[in-house]
Amino acid sequence: MSYTALAIDLDGTLLVGEDLSARNRDAVAAAHAAGLAIIIATARWRHMAQRIADQIGLAQPIIACSGAQVYLPDSQRDIFDHRLPAAFVAELYALCNEQRCVATVTVADEVILKLDGEPSPGLLSPEMRWVPQLSTNAHAAPRIAAIQGSAINEIIKGDLKLRYADQVNIYDSIGPNGKIIITITAKAANKGEALLASCQHLGIQPAQVITFGDAENDIEMFKVSGASVAMGQASDAVKAAATAVTAANTEDGVAQAIDRILRTGAP
């Protein structure tokens, strides 16, 4: 198989915390220079993903919000955009307002941070806005909700996940601080479907893509791609779903796999 693109997750994969290492940056840039399209595929919002892409010099489609959005940086438009159902959002917001938690909700072109206590000035990126409470009127139709908090996450997985199983995806993800974060998207939104939309836009087949990831929400992307690489620190379930395993993100596992791909044509 001749591969023509790489789709790479950010947190726990290309990044360590918030940092892009020089080795990973240079490896991705080398793959791009060799003719491989580079698709960033993240649970984060597109602004953050675009900042990473800009560091490397990329302008290919960005899969953001755990597959709820595919954004084209060159034309500044979406080709894939799915929002959470209103009834679910109303229940989720009520829980977030009742429980101690950190909730990040991507709405339109803005990222809403619900946090108990206003964050220090300068800690929020330009697209972020702090609120003490979430509102279905002011913060309607989110693409993704990311929730951190052990008590609220137990309620979400024990109740909402069961009742809305046919309408939403609820995954455990690893945040930049290494803690478990629940990511929630509409049922039609996942990294696999978003990768298919990206491939169609680029005029390539999914079988021509090698995907990289470390978490449960990357598995749908693994399923539709020609080859897949799990990070060394990923769970056994994620590793079992991939066709290859590389070193941990703290050991520049993406760069190690890209070096093999450029030498041998496969990870």
C-alpha atoms as a PDB file:
ATOM      1  CA  MET A   1       0.000   0.000   0.000  1.00  0.00           C
ATOM      2  CA  SER A   2       1.267   3.469  -0.902  1.00  0.00           C
ATOM      3  CA  TYR A   3       0.338   5.919   1.850  1.00  0.00           C
ATOM      4  CA  THR A   4      -0.355   9.536   0.978  1.00  0.00           C
ATOM      5  CA  ALA A   5      -1.475  11.074   4.295  1.00  0.00           C
ATOM      6  CA  LEU A   6      -1.028  10.971   8.052  1.00  0.00           C
ATOM      7  CA  ALA A   7      -3.820  11.815  10.524  1.00  0.00           C
ATOM      8  CA  ILE A   8      -2.333  12.656  13.910  1.00  0.00           C
ATOM      9  CA  ASP A   9      -4.002  13.194  17.291  1.00  0.00           C
ATOM     10  CA  LEU A  10      -2.594  15.928  19.547  1.00  0.00           C
ATOM     11  CA  ASP A  11      -3.000  15.333  23.309  1.00  0.00           C
ATOM     12  CA  GLY A  12      -1.048  12.270  24.378  1.00  0.00           C
ATOM     13  CA  THR A  13       0.181  11.716  20.832  1.00  0.00           C
ATOM     14  CA  LEU A  14       1.960  14.586  19.080  1.00  0.00           C
ATOM     15  CA  LEU A  15       2.081  16.717  22.241  1.00  0.00           C
ATOM     16  CA  VAL A  16       3.398  16.290  25.760  1.00  0.00           C
ATOM     17  CA  GLY A  17       1.130  18.481  27.840  1.00  0.00           C
ATOM     18  CA  GLU A  18       0.823  21.636  25.743  1.00  0.00           C
ATOM     19  CA  ASP A  19       4.259  21.253  24.164  1.00  0.00           C
ATOM     20  CA  LEU A  20       5.266  20.196  20.654  1.00  0.00           C
ATOM     21  CA  SER A  21       8.800  18.810  20.783  1.00  0.00           C
ATOM     22  CA  ALA A  22      11.352  19.834  18.182  1.00  0.00           C
ATOM     23  CA  ARG A  23      11.790  16.197  17.149  1.00  0.00           C
ATOM     24  CA  ASN A  24       8.065  15.650  16.536  1.00  0.00           C
ATOM     25  CA  ARG A  25       7.748  19.010  14.769  1.00  0.00           C
ATOM     26  CA  ASP A  26      10.664  18.243  12.472  1.00  0.00           C
ATOM     27  CA  ALA A  27       9.427  14.706  11.740  1.00  0.00           C
ATOM     28  CA  VAL A  28       5.952  15.904  10.753  1.00  0.00           C
ATOM     29  CA  ALA A  29       7.487  18.665   8.642  1.00  0.00           C
ATOM     30  CA  ALA A  30       9.731  16.080   6.924  1.00  0.00           C
ATOM     31  CA  ALA A  31       6.719  13.871   6.167  1.00  0.00           C
ATOM     32  CA  HIS A  32       4.898  16.854   4.699  1.00  0.00           C
ATOM     33  CA  ALA A  33       7.937  17.813   2.623  1.00  0.00           C
ATOM     34  CA  ALA A  34       8.063  14.226   1.348  1.00  0.00           C
ATOM     35  CA  GLY A  35       4.548  14.675  -0.086  1.00  0.00           C
ATOM     36  CA  LEU A  36       2.340  13.304   2.690  1.00  0.00           C
ATOM     37  CA  ALA A  37      -0.753  15.313   3.565  1.00  0.00           C
ATOM     38  CA  ILE A  38      -0.964  15.947   7.319  1.00  0.00           C
ATOM     39  CA  ILE A  39      -4.385  15.984   8.987  1.00  0.00           C
ATOM     40  CA  ILE A  40      -4.506  17.024  12.633  1.00  0.00           C
ATOM     41  CA  ALA A  41      -7.254  15.082  14.439  1.00  0.00           C
ATOM     42  CA  THR A  42      -7.965  16.259  17.970  1.00  0.00           C
ATOM     43  CA  ALA A  43     -10.640  16.446  20.654  1.00  0.00           C
ATOM     44  CA  ARG A  44      -9.609  20.078  21.149  1.00  0.00           C
ATOM     45  CA  TRP A  45     -11.115  23.049  19.361  1.00  0.00           C
ATOM     46  CA  ARG A  46      -9.876  24.053  15.926  1.00  0.00           C
ATOM     47  CA  HIS A  47      -8.134  27.281  17.067  1.00  0.00           C
ATOM     48  CA  MET A  48      -5.707  25.311  19.222  1.00  0.00           C
ATOM     49  CA  ALA A  49      -5.150  22.742  16.475  1.00  0.00           C
ATOM     50  CA  GLN A  50      -4.482  25.502  13.961  1.00  0.00           C
ATOM     51  CA  ARG A  51      -1.829  27.029  16.201  1.00  0.00           C
ATOM     52  CA  ILE A  52       0.000  23.679  16.207  1.00  0.00           C
ATOM     53  CA  ALA A  53      -0.457  23.360  12.428  1.00  0.00           C
ATOM     54  CA  ASP A  54       0.984  26.849  11.946  1.00  0.00           C
ATOM     55  CA  GLN A  55       4.109  25.884  13.907  1.00  0.00           C
ATOM     56  CA  ILE A  56       4.748  23.110  11.386  1.00  0.00           C
ATOM     57  CA  GLY A  57       3.571  24.967   8.280  1.00  0.00           C
ATOM     58  CA  LEU A  58       0.454  22.886   7.544  1.00  0.00           C
ATOM     59  CA  ALA A  59      -2.765  23.928   5.793  1.00  0.00           C
ATOM     60  CA  GLN A  60      -4.606  20.613   5.347  1.00  0.00           C
ATOM     61  CA  PRO A  61      -8.041  19.842   6.878  1.00  0.00           C
ATOM     62  CA  ILE A  62      -8.220  19.946  10.679  1.00  0.00           C
ATOM     63  CA  ILE A  63     -10.409  17.381  12.450  1.00  0.00           C
ATOM     64  CA  ALA A  64     -11.455  19.152  15.641  1.00  0.00           C
ATOM     65  CA  CYS A  65     -13.839  18.618  18.556  1.00  0.00           C
ATOM     66  CA  SER A  66     -13.281  14.834  18.535  1.00  0.00           C
ATOM     67  CA  GLY A  67     -14.638  14.582  15.002  1.00  0.00           C
ATOM     68  CA  ALA A  68     -17.583  16.973  15.295  1.00  0.00           C
ATOM     69  CA  GLN A  69     -15.894  19.465  12.972  1.00  0.00           C
ATOM     70  CA  VAL A  70     -13.628  19.371   9.930  1.00  0.00           C
ATOM     71  CA  TYR A  71     -12.233  22.836   9.269  1.00  0.00           C
ATOM     72  CA  LEU A  72     -10.355  24.032   6.181  1.00  0.00           C
ATOM     73  CA  PRO A  73      -7.747  26.628   7.229  1.00  0.00           C
ATOM     74  CA  ASP A  74      -7.087  27.841   3.680  1.00  0.00           C
ATOM     75  CA  SER A  75     -10.725  28.788   2.999  1.00  0.00           C
ATOM     76  CA  GLN A  76     -11.769  29.266   6.662  1.00  0.00           C
ATOM     77  CA  ARG A  77     -14.862  27.076   6.404  1.00  0.00           C
ATOM     78  CA  ASP A  78     -16.263  23.794   7.705  1.00  0.00           C
ATOM     79  CA  ILE A  79     -16.941  20.747   5.559  1.00  0.00           C
ATOM     80  CA  PHE A  80     -18.246  18.656   8.492  1.00  0.00           C
ATOM     81  CA  ASP A  81     -20.168  20.084  11.444  1.00  0.00           C
ATOM     82  CA  HIS A  82     -22.327  18.156  13.941  1.00  0.00           C
ATOM     83  CA  ARG A  83     -23.898  19.564  17.125  1.00  0.00           C
ATOM     84  CA  LEU A  84     -25.106  17.956  20.339  1.00  0.00           C
ATOM     85  CA  PRO A  85     -28.908  17.460  20.666  1.00  0.00           C
ATOM     86  CA  ALA A  86     -30.746  20.186  22.598  1.00  0.00           C
ATOM     87  CA  ALA A  87     -32.452  17.894  25.136  1.00  0.00           C
ATOM     88  CA  PHE A  88     -29.152  16.288  26.091  1.00  0.00           C
ATOM     89  CA  VAL A  89     -27.439  19.675  26.343  1.00  0.00           C
ATOM     90  CA  ALA A  90     -30.113  20.943  28.745  1.00  0.00           C
ATOM     91  CA  GLU A  91     -29.536  18.005  31.112  1.00  0.00           C
ATOM     92  CA  LEU A  92     -25.756  18.213  30.813  1.00  0.00           C
ATOM     93  CA  TYR A  93     -25.670  21.946  31.531  1.00  0.00           C
ATOM     94  CA  ALA A  94     -27.922  21.495  34.566  1.00  0.00           C
ATOM     95  CA  LEU A  95     -25.507  18.874  35.940  1.00  0.00           C
ATOM     96  CA  CYS A  96     -22.482  21.068  35.249  1.00  0.00           C
ATOM     97  CA  ASN A  97     -24.102  23.986  37.052  1.00  0.00           C
ATOM     98  CA  GLU A  98     -24.932  21.798  40.074  1.00  0.00           C
ATOM     99  CA  GLN A  99     -21.644  19.903  40.355  1.00  0.00           C
ATOM    100  CA  ARG A 100     -18.074  21.032  40.896  1.00  0.00           C
ATOM    101  CA  CYS A 101     -16.347  20.497  37.556  1.00  0.00           C
ATOM    102  CA  VAL A 102     -14.342  22.008  34.758  1.00  0.00           C
ATOM    103  CA  ALA A 103     -16.485  22.089  31.618  1.00  0.00           C
ATOM    104  CA  THR A 104     -15.204  23.252  28.240  1.00  0.00           C
ATOM    105  CA  VAL A 105     -17.887  23.699  25.584  1.00  0.00           C
ATOM    106  CA  THR A 106     -17.205  24.660  21.972  1.00  0.00           C
ATOM    107  CA  VAL A 107     -20.025  26.809  20.626  1.00  0.00           C
ATOM    108  CA  ALA A 108     -19.921  28.371  17.143  1.00  0.00           C
ATOM    109  CA  ASP A 109     -16.487  30.037  16.967  1.00  0.00           C
ATOM    110  CA  GLU A 110     -16.050  30.409  20.714  1.00  0.00           C
ATOM    111  CA  VAL A 111     -14.885  28.146  23.545  1.00  0.00           C
ATOM    112  CA  ILE A 112     -16.813  28.504  26.805  1.00  0.00           C
ATOM    113  CA  LEU A 113     -15.080  27.549  30.053  1.00  0.00           C
ATOM    114  CA  LYS A 114     -17.316  26.843  33.046  1.00  0.00           C
ATOM    115  CA  LEU A 115     -15.129  26.861  36.130  1.00  0.00           C
ATOM    116  CA  ASP A 116     -15.825  27.407  39.831  1.00  0.00           C
ATOM    117  CA  GLY A 117     -14.046  30.713  40.273  1.00  0.00           C
ATOM    118  CA  GLU A 118     -12.792  33.111  37.623  1.00  0.00           C
ATOM    119  CA  PRO A 119      -9.400  32.127  36.168  1.00  0.00           C
ATOM    120  CA  SER A 120      -6.431  34.441  36.480  1.00  0.00           C
ATOM    121  CA  PRO A 121      -6.086  37.053  33.723  1.00  0.00           C
ATOM    122  CA  GLY A 122      -3.996  35.883  30.791  1.00  0.00           C
ATOM    123  CA  LEU A 123      -4.630  32.165  31.337  1.00  0.00           C
ATOM    124  CA  LEU A 124      -7.332  31.917  28.661  1.00  0.00           C
ATOM    125  CA  SER A 125      -6.513  31.795  24.971  1.00  0.00           C
ATOM    126  CA  PRO A 126      -8.158  34.485  22.789  1.00  0.00           C
ATOM    127  CA  GLU A 127     -11.073  32.295  21.690  1.00  0.00           C
ATOM    128  CA  MET A 128     -11.966  31.263  25.258  1.00  0.00           C
ATOM    129  CA  ARG A 129     -14.480  32.921  27.591  1.00  0.00           C
ATOM    130  CA  TRP A 130     -15.080  32.083  31.251  1.00  0.00           C
ATOM    131  CA  VAL A 131     -18.617  31.781  32.624  1.00  0.00           C
ATOM    132  CA  PRO A 132     -19.803  30.824  36.130  1.00  0.00           C
ATOM    133  CA  GLN A 133     -22.849  28.977  34.712  1.00  0.00           C
ATOM    134  CA  LEU A 134     -23.753  27.376  31.394  1.00  0.00           C
ATOM    135  CA  SER A 135     -26.930  28.514  29.644  1.00  0.00           C
ATOM    136  CA  THR A 136     -28.903  26.741  26.917  1.00  0.00           C
ATOM    137  CA  ASN A 137     -29.798  30.166  25.528  1.00  0.00           C
ATOM    138  CA  ALA A 138     -26.347  31.743  25.474  1.00  0.00           C
ATOM    139  CA  HIS A 139     -24.380  28.553  24.784  1.00  0.00           C
ATOM    140  CA  ALA A 140     -26.671  26.615  22.454  1.00  0.00           C
ATOM    141  CA  ALA A 141     -25.753  23.925  19.906  1.00  0.00           C
ATOM    142  CA  PRO A 142     -22.250  22.969  21.089  1.00  0.00           C
ATOM    143  CA  ARG A 143     -20.064  20.738  18.929  1.00  0.00           C
ATOM    144  CA  ILE A 144     -18.361  19.119  21.906  1.00  0.00           C
ATOM    145  CA  ALA A 145     -18.364  19.200  25.683  1.00  0.00           C
ATOM    146  CA  ALA A 146     -15.296  18.149  27.653  1.00  0.00           C
ATOM    147  CA  ILE A 147     -15.955  17.525  31.348  1.00  0.00           C
ATOM    148  CA  GLN A 148     -13.435  16.979  34.138  1.00  0.00           C
ATOM    149  CA  GLY A 149     -14.562  15.993  37.631  1.00  0.00           C
ATOM    150  CA  SER A 150     -14.805  12.534  39.163  1.00  0.00           C
ATOM    151  CA  ALA A 151     -18.294  12.895  40.683  1.00  0.00           C
ATOM    152  CA  ILE A 152     -19.992  14.435  37.646  1.00  0.00           C
ATOM    153  CA  ASN A 153     -18.285  12.009  35.280  1.00  0.00           C
ATOM    154  CA  GLU A 154     -19.692   9.071  37.237  1.00  0.00           C
ATOM    155  CA  ILE A 155     -23.189  10.531  36.831  1.00  0.00           C
ATOM    156  CA  ILE A 156     -22.696  11.165  33.118  1.00  0.00           C
ATOM    157  CA  LYS A 157     -21.444   7.641  32.445  1.00  0.00           C
ATOM    158  CA  GLY A 158     -23.922   5.988  34.795  1.00  0.00           C
ATOM    159  CA  ASP A 159     -27.025   7.874  33.666  1.00  0.00           C
ATOM    160  CA  LEU A 160     -26.805  10.176  30.634  1.00  0.00           C
ATOM    161  CA  LYS A 161     -24.624   7.801  28.614  1.00  0.00           C
ATOM    162  CA  LEU A 162     -27.238   5.045  28.976  1.00  0.00           C
ATOM    163  CA  ARG A 163     -30.285   7.195  28.232  1.00  0.00           C
ATOM    164  CA  TYR A 164     -28.746   8.999  25.267  1.00  0.00           C
ATOM    165  CA  ALA A 165     -26.736   6.109  23.815  1.00  0.00           C
ATOM    166  CA  ASP A 166     -28.439   6.449  20.431  1.00  0.00           C
ATOM    167  CA  GLN A 167     -27.786  10.203  20.225  1.00  0.00           C
ATOM    168  CA  VAL A 168     -24.357  10.934  21.683  1.00  0.00           C
ATOM    169  CA  ASN A 169     -20.830   9.558  21.912  1.00  0.00           C
ATOM    170  CA  ILE A 170     -19.223   9.686  25.354  1.00  0.00           C
ATOM    171  CA  TYR A 171     -15.538   8.776  25.541  1.00  0.00           C
ATOM    172  CA  ASP A 172     -12.785   8.871  28.125  1.00  0.00           C
ATOM    173  CA  SER A 173      -9.866  10.962  26.900  1.00  0.00           C
ATOM    174  CA  ILE A 174      -6.555  11.951  28.459  1.00  0.00           C
ATOM    175  CA  GLY A 175      -6.222  15.696  28.949  1.00  0.00           C
ATOM    176  CA  PRO A 176      -2.977  17.669  28.686  1.00  0.00           C
ATOM    177  CA  ASN A 177      -2.596  17.422  32.480  1.00  0.00           C
ATOM    178  CA  GLY A 178      -2.799  13.625  32.276  1.00  0.00           C
ATOM    179  CA  LYS A 179      -6.231  13.440  33.948  1.00  0.00           C
ATOM    180  CA  ILE A 180      -9.279  11.661  32.545  1.00  0.00           C
ATOM    181  CA  ILE A 181     -11.655  13.972  30.711  1.00  0.00           C
ATOM    182  CA  ILE A 182     -15.004  12.879  29.299  1.00  0.00           C
ATOM    183  CA  THR A 183     -15.535  14.109  25.740  1.00  0.00           C
ATOM    184  CA  ILE A 184     -19.094  14.228  24.397  1.00  0.00           C
ATOM    185  CA  THR A 185     -20.210  14.678  20.785  1.00  0.00           C
ATOM    186  CA  ALA A 186     -23.284  13.964  18.694  1.00  0.00           C
ATOM    187  CA  LYS A 187     -23.640  10.366  17.469  1.00  0.00           C
ATOM    188  CA  ALA A 188     -22.805  11.285  13.869  1.00  0.00           C
ATOM    189  CA  ALA A 189     -19.607  12.977  15.003  1.00  0.00           C
ATOM    190  CA  ASN A 190     -16.512  10.858  15.459  1.00  0.00           C
ATOM    191  CA  LYS A 191     -12.969  10.939  14.191  1.00  0.00           C
ATOM    192  CA  GLY A 192     -13.653   8.109  11.748  1.00  0.00           C
ATOM    193  CA  GLU A 193     -16.497   9.919   9.965  1.00  0.00           C
ATOM    194  CA  ALA A 194     -14.513  13.149  10.043  1.00  0.00           C
ATOM    195  CA  LEU A 195     -11.517  11.387   8.488  1.00  0.00           C
ATOM    196  CA  LEU A 196     -13.730  10.081   5.675  1.00  0.00           C
ATOM    197  CA  ALA A 197     -14.906  13.651   4.986  1.00  0.00           C
ATOM    198  CA  SER A 198     -11.300  14.883   5.025  1.00  0.00           C
ATOM    199  CA  CYS A 199     -10.214  12.173   2.577  1.00  0.00           C
ATOM    200  CA  GLN A 200     -13.071  13.005   0.228  1.00  0.00           C
ATOM    201  CA  HIS A 201     -12.026  16.656   0.261  1.00  0.00           C
ATOM    202  CA  LEU A 202      -8.388  15.744  -0.447  1.00  0.00           C
ATOM    203  CA  GLY A 203      -9.358  13.271  -3.174  1.00  0.00           C
ATOM    204  CA  ILE A 204      -7.681  10.287  -1.514  1.00  0.00           C
ATOM    205  CA  GLN A 205      -8.884   6.938  -0.188  1.00  0.00           C
ATOM    206  CA  PRO A 206      -8.984   6.276   3.586  1.00  0.00           C
ATOM    207  CA  ALA A 207      -6.837   3.200   2.946  1.00  0.00           C
ATOM    208  CA  GLN A 208      -4.044   5.605   1.950  1.00  0.00           C
ATOM    209  CA  VAL A 209      -3.962   7.176   5.439  1.00  0.00           C
ATOM    210  CA  ILE A 210      -1.907   6.205   8.491  1.00  0.00           C
ATOM    211  CA  THR A 211      -3.562   7.353  11.720  1.00  0.00           C
ATOM    212  CA  PHE A 212      -1.945   8.059  15.107  1.00  0.00           C
ATOM    213  CA  GLY A 213      -3.667   8.158  18.497  1.00  0.00           C
ATOM    214  CA  ASP A 214      -3.661   7.198  22.146  1.00  0.00           C
ATOM    215  CA  ALA A 215      -7.279   7.208  23.344  1.00  0.00           C
ATOM    216  CA  GLU A 216     -10.665   5.566  22.905  1.00  0.00           C
ATOM    217  CA  ASN A 217     -11.942   8.276  20.570  1.00  0.00           C
ATOM    218  CA  ASP A 218      -9.107   7.479  18.126  1.00  0.00           C
ATOM    219  CA  ILE A 219     -10.313   3.918  17.521  1.00  0.00           C
ATOM    220  CA  GLU A 220     -13.007   4.954  14.999  1.00  0.00           C
ATOM    221  CA  MET A 221     -10.248   6.675  13.034  1.00  0.00           C
ATOM    222  CA  PHE A 222      -8.118   3.517  13.212  1.00  0.00           C
ATOM    223  CA  LYS A 223     -11.003   1.463  11.802  1.00  0.00           C
ATOM    224  CA  VAL A 224     -11.303   3.394   8.536  1.00  0.00           C
ATOM    225  CA  SER A 225      -7.621   4.032   7.796  1.00  0.00           C
ATOM    226  CA  GLY A 226      -5.163   1.823   5.966  1.00  0.00           C
ATOM    227  CA  ALA A 227      -2.786   1.593   8.929  1.00  0.00           C
ATOM    228  CA  SER A 228      -2.848   2.899  12.475  1.00  0.00           C
ATOM    229  CA  VAL A 229      -0.315   3.600  15.208  1.00  0.00           C
ATOM    230  CA  ALA A 230      -1.090   3.521  18.931  1.00  0.00           C
ATOM    231  CA  MET A 231       1.132   5.359  21.356  1.00  0.00           C
ATOM    232  CA  GLY A 232       3.205   3.355  23.818  1.00  0.00           C
ATOM    233  CA  GLN A 233       1.310   4.643  26.865  1.00  0.00           C
ATOM    234  CA  ALA A 234      -2.129   3.901  25.349  1.00  0.00           C
ATOM    235  CA  SER A 235      -4.469   1.366  26.941  1.00  0.00           C
ATOM    236  CA  ASP A 236      -4.440  -2.261  25.845  1.00  0.00           C
ATOM    237  CA  ALA A 237      -7.763  -1.720  24.036  1.00  0.00           C
ATOM    238  CA  VAL A 238      -6.352   1.131  21.950  1.00  0.00           C
ATOM    239  CA  LYS A 239      -3.194  -0.824  21.162  1.00  0.00           C
ATOM    240  CA  ALA A 240      -5.249  -3.863  20.119  1.00  0.00           C
ATOM    241  CA  ALA A 241      -7.241  -1.702  17.682  1.00  0.00           C
ATOM    242  CA  ALA A 242      -4.092  -0.392  15.949  1.00  0.00           C
ATOM    243  CA  THR A 243      -1.923  -2.103  13.359  1.00  0.00           C
ATOM    244  CA  ALA A 244       1.300  -0.899  15.010  1.00  0.00           C
ATOM    245  CA  VAL A 245       2.496   0.461  18.361  1.00  0.00           C
ATOM    246  CA  THR A 246       5.195   3.100  18.769  1.00  0.00           C
ATOM    247  CA  ALA A 247       6.932   4.594  21.792  1.00  0.00           C
ATOM    248  CA  ALA A 248       5.126   6.833  24.293  1.00  0.00           C
ATOM    249  CA  ASN A 249       4.453  10.484  23.520  1.00  0.00           C
ATOM    250  CA  THR A 250       7.072  11.431  26.128  1.00  0.00           C
ATOM    251  CA  GLU A 251       9.616   9.556  23.960  1.00  0.00           C
ATOM    252  CA  ASP A 252       8.594  11.246  20.676  1.00  0.00           C
ATOM    253  CA  GLY A 253       6.780   8.122  19.528  1.00  0.00           C
ATOM    254  CA  VAL A 254       5.231   9.966  16.570  1.00  0.00           C
ATOM    255  CA  ALA A 255       8.670  10.977  15.305  1.00  0.00           C
ATOM    256  CA  GLN A 256       9.957   7.419  15.694  1.00  0.00           C
ATOM    257  CA  ALA A 257       7.048   6.043  13.654  1.00  0.00           C
ATOM    258  CA  ILE A 258       7.379   8.727  10.968  1.00  0.00           C
ATOM    259  CA  ASP A 259      11.089   7.930  10.639  1.00  0.00           C
ATOM    260  CA  ARG A 260      10.128   4.303   9.942  1.00  0.00           C
ATOM    261  CA  ILE A 261       7.423   5.330   7.465  1.00  0.00           C
ATOM    262  CA  LEU A 262       9.834   7.531   5.502  1.00  0.00           C
ATOM    263  CA  ARG A 263      12.454   4.764   5.467  1.00  0.00           C
ATOM    264  CA  THR A 264      10.269   1.730   4.801  1.00  0.00           C
ATOM    265  CA  GLY A 265       6.859   3.000   3.680  1.00  0.00           C
ATOM    266  CA  ALA A 266       5.054   1.549   6.703  1.00  0.00           C
ATOM    267  CA  PRO A 267       4.947   2.172  10.479  1.00  0.00           C
END
